C-alpha atoms as a PDB file:
ATOM      1  CA  UNK A   1       0.000   0.000   0.000  1.00  0.00           C
ATOM      2  CA  UNK A   2       1.477   3.390  -0.917  1.00  0.00           C
ATOM      3  CA  UNK A   3       1.941   5.538   2.196  1.00  0.00           C
ATOM      4  CA  UNK A   4      -0.078   8.268   0.433  1.00  0.00           C
ATOM      5  CA  UNK A   5      -3.056   5.936   0.337  1.00  0.00           C
ATOM      6  CA  UNK A   6      -5.014   4.623  -2.605  1.00  0.00           C
ATOM      7  CA  UNK A   7      -8.456   4.397  -4.094  1.00  0.00           C
ATOM      8  CA  UNK A   8     -11.132   2.403  -2.324  1.00  0.00           C
ATOM      9  CA  UNK A   9     -13.927   0.587  -4.111  1.00  0.00           C
ATOM     10  CA  UNK A  10     -16.826  -1.552  -3.091  1.00  0.00           C
ATOM     11  CA  UNK A  11     -18.278  -4.630  -4.728  1.00  0.00           C
ATOM     12  CA  UNK A  12     -21.695  -5.736  -3.580  1.00  0.00           C
ATOM     13  CA  UNK A  13     -23.111  -9.184  -3.017  1.00  0.00           C
ATOM     14  CA  UNK A  14     -26.546  -9.667  -1.516  1.00  0.00           C
ATOM     15  CA  UNK A  15     -28.374 -12.626  -0.079  1.00  0.00           C
ATOM     16  CA  UNK A  16     -31.975 -11.753   0.687  1.00  0.00           C
ATOM     17  CA  UNK A  17     -33.186 -12.305   4.221  1.00  0.00           C
ATOM     18  CA  UNK A  18     -36.198 -13.954   2.528  1.00  0.00           C
ATOM     19  CA  UNK A  19     -34.028 -16.683   0.944  1.00  0.00           C
ATOM     20  CA  UNK A  20     -35.235 -20.136   2.045  1.00  0.00           C
ATOM     21  CA  UNK A  21     -31.704 -21.165   3.041  1.00  0.00           C
ATOM     22  CA  UNK A  22     -29.621 -17.976   3.310  1.00  0.00           C
ATOM     23  CA  UNK A  23     -25.961 -19.001   2.881  1.00  0.00           C
ATOM     24  CA  UNK A  24     -24.598 -15.485   3.393  1.00  0.00           C
ATOM     25  CA  UNK A  25     -21.762 -16.295   5.785  1.00  0.00           C
ATOM     26  CA  UNK A  26     -20.670 -19.351   3.827  1.00  0.00           C
ATOM     27  CA  UNK A  27     -20.768 -17.365   0.566  1.00  0.00           C
ATOM     28  CA  UNK A  28     -18.701 -14.576   2.152  1.00  0.00           C
ATOM     29  CA  UNK A  29     -16.122 -17.156   3.251  1.00  0.00           C
ATOM     30  CA  UNK A  30     -16.076 -18.799  -0.186  1.00  0.00           C
ATOM     31  CA  UNK A  31     -15.369 -15.600  -2.160  1.00  0.00           C
ATOM     32  CA  UNK A  32     -13.283 -13.968   0.601  1.00  0.00           C
ATOM     33  CA  UNK A  33     -15.514 -10.873   0.736  1.00  0.00           C
ATOM     34  CA  UNK A  34     -15.885  -8.754   3.828  1.00  0.00           C
ATOM     35  CA  UNK A  35     -19.243  -9.144   5.505  1.00  0.00           C
ATOM     36  CA  UNK A  36     -20.602  -5.922   7.009  1.00  0.00           C
ATOM     37  CA  UNK A  37     -23.352  -7.972   8.644  1.00  0.00           C
ATOM     38  CA  UNK A  38     -22.408  -8.099  12.344  1.00  0.00           C
ATOM     39  CA  UNK A  39     -24.731 -11.054  13.146  1.00  0.00           C
ATOM     40  CA  UNK A  40     -22.958 -13.097  10.438  1.00  0.00           C
ATOM     41  CA  UNK A  41     -19.483 -12.614  11.944  1.00  0.00           C
ATOM     42  CA  UNK A  42     -19.760 -15.567  14.372  1.00  0.00           C
ATOM     43  CA  UNK A  43     -20.623 -17.776  11.379  1.00  0.00           C
ATOM     44  CA  UNK A  44     -17.526 -16.792   9.413  1.00  0.00           C
ATOM     45  CA  UNK A  45     -14.346 -18.833   9.369  1.00  0.00           C
ATOM     46  CA  UNK A  46     -11.988 -17.443  12.031  1.00  0.00           C
ATOM     47  CA  UNK A  47      -9.029 -17.596   9.624  1.00  0.00           C
ATOM     48  CA  UNK A  48     -10.900 -15.172   7.314  1.00  0.00           C
ATOM     49  CA  UNK A  49     -11.736 -12.792  10.163  1.00  0.00           C
ATOM     50  CA  UNK A  50      -8.070 -12.807  11.219  1.00  0.00           C
ATOM     51  CA  UNK A  51      -6.800 -12.307   7.657  1.00  0.00           C
ATOM     52  CA  UNK A  52      -5.645  -8.666   7.219  1.00  0.00           C
ATOM     53  CA  UNK A  53      -5.966  -9.014   3.436  1.00  0.00           C
ATOM     54  CA  UNK A  54      -9.731  -9.522   3.914  1.00  0.00           C
ATOM     55  CA  UNK A  55     -10.289  -7.419   7.057  1.00  0.00           C
ATOM     56  CA  UNK A  56      -7.472  -4.831   6.966  1.00  0.00           C
ATOM     57  CA  UNK A  57      -6.626  -2.954  10.164  1.00  0.00           C
ATOM     58  CA  UNK A  58      -7.644   0.693  10.572  1.00  0.00           C
ATOM     59  CA  UNK A  59      -4.095   1.872   9.859  1.00  0.00           C
ATOM     60  CA  UNK A  60      -4.401   0.415   6.358  1.00  0.00           C
ATOM     61  CA  UNK A  61      -7.969   1.610   5.765  1.00  0.00           C
ATOM     62  CA  UNK A  62      -7.586   5.194   7.033  1.00  0.00           C
ATOM     63  CA  UNK A  63      -5.609   6.608   4.059  1.00  0.00           C
ATOM     64  CA  UNK A  64      -7.963   5.000   1.501  1.00  0.00           C
ATOM     65  CA  UNK A  65     -10.452   7.267  -0.245  1.00  0.00           C
ATOM     66  CA  UNK A  66     -13.531   6.506  -2.327  1.00  0.00           C
ATOM     67  CA  UNK A  67     -13.357   7.839  -5.868  1.00  0.00           C
ATOM     68  CA  UNK A  68     -15.699  10.744  -6.487  1.00  0.00           C
ATOM     69  CA  UNK A  69     -18.050  11.090  -9.463  1.00  0.00           C
ATOM     70  CA  UNK A  70     -16.650  13.938 -11.546  1.00  0.00           C
ATOM     71  CA  UNK A  71     -19.948  14.414 -13.386  1.00  0.00           C
ATOM     72  CA  UNK A  72     -19.805  16.575 -16.518  1.00  0.00           C
ATOM     73  CA  UNK A  73     -15.981  16.692 -16.405  1.00  0.00           C
ATOM     74  CA  UNK A  74     -15.807  12.951 -17.270  1.00  0.00           C
ATOM     75  CA  UNK A  75     -15.360  13.523 -21.039  1.00  0.00           C
ATOM     76  CA  UNK A  76     -12.434  15.890 -20.366  1.00  0.00           C
ATOM     77  CA  UNK A  77     -10.724  13.313 -18.140  1.00  0.00           C
ATOM     78  CA  UNK A  78     -11.369  10.650 -20.788  1.00  0.00           C
ATOM     79  CA  UNK A  79      -9.909  12.883 -23.522  1.00  0.00           C
ATOM     80  CA  UNK A  80      -6.736  13.440 -21.506  1.00  0.00           C
ATOM     81  CA  UNK A  81      -6.397   9.881 -20.151  1.00  0.00           C
ATOM     82  CA  UNK A  82      -7.029   7.961 -23.423  1.00  0.00           C
ATOM     83  CA  UNK A  83      -3.725   8.996 -25.086  1.00  0.00           C
ATOM     84  CA  UNK A  84      -1.865   8.131 -21.880  1.00  0.00           C
ATOM     85  CA  UNK A  85      -3.342   4.619 -22.009  1.00  0.00           C
ATOM     86  CA  UNK A  86      -2.473   4.379 -25.699  1.00  0.00           C
ATOM     87  CA  UNK A  87      -5.963   3.522 -26.872  1.00  0.00           C
END
């Protein structure tokens, strides 16, 4: 992790609470996704909960920032960035 921080993104996976056999904790373990669902934590594999690559400590998370929507400026960024990428 660069000391300056980095971008932070979120991927979403949902298991409905109306599912007949909700496998949320097992699915979270299988794909190594963080579960924000506190009641599911006791159902997760302890090795996953203790894995800092899955549940990073605050010192790692603090310098991370969510990317912001730049709205109407997006075409300008694209125009400048496309030649840099070479496409």
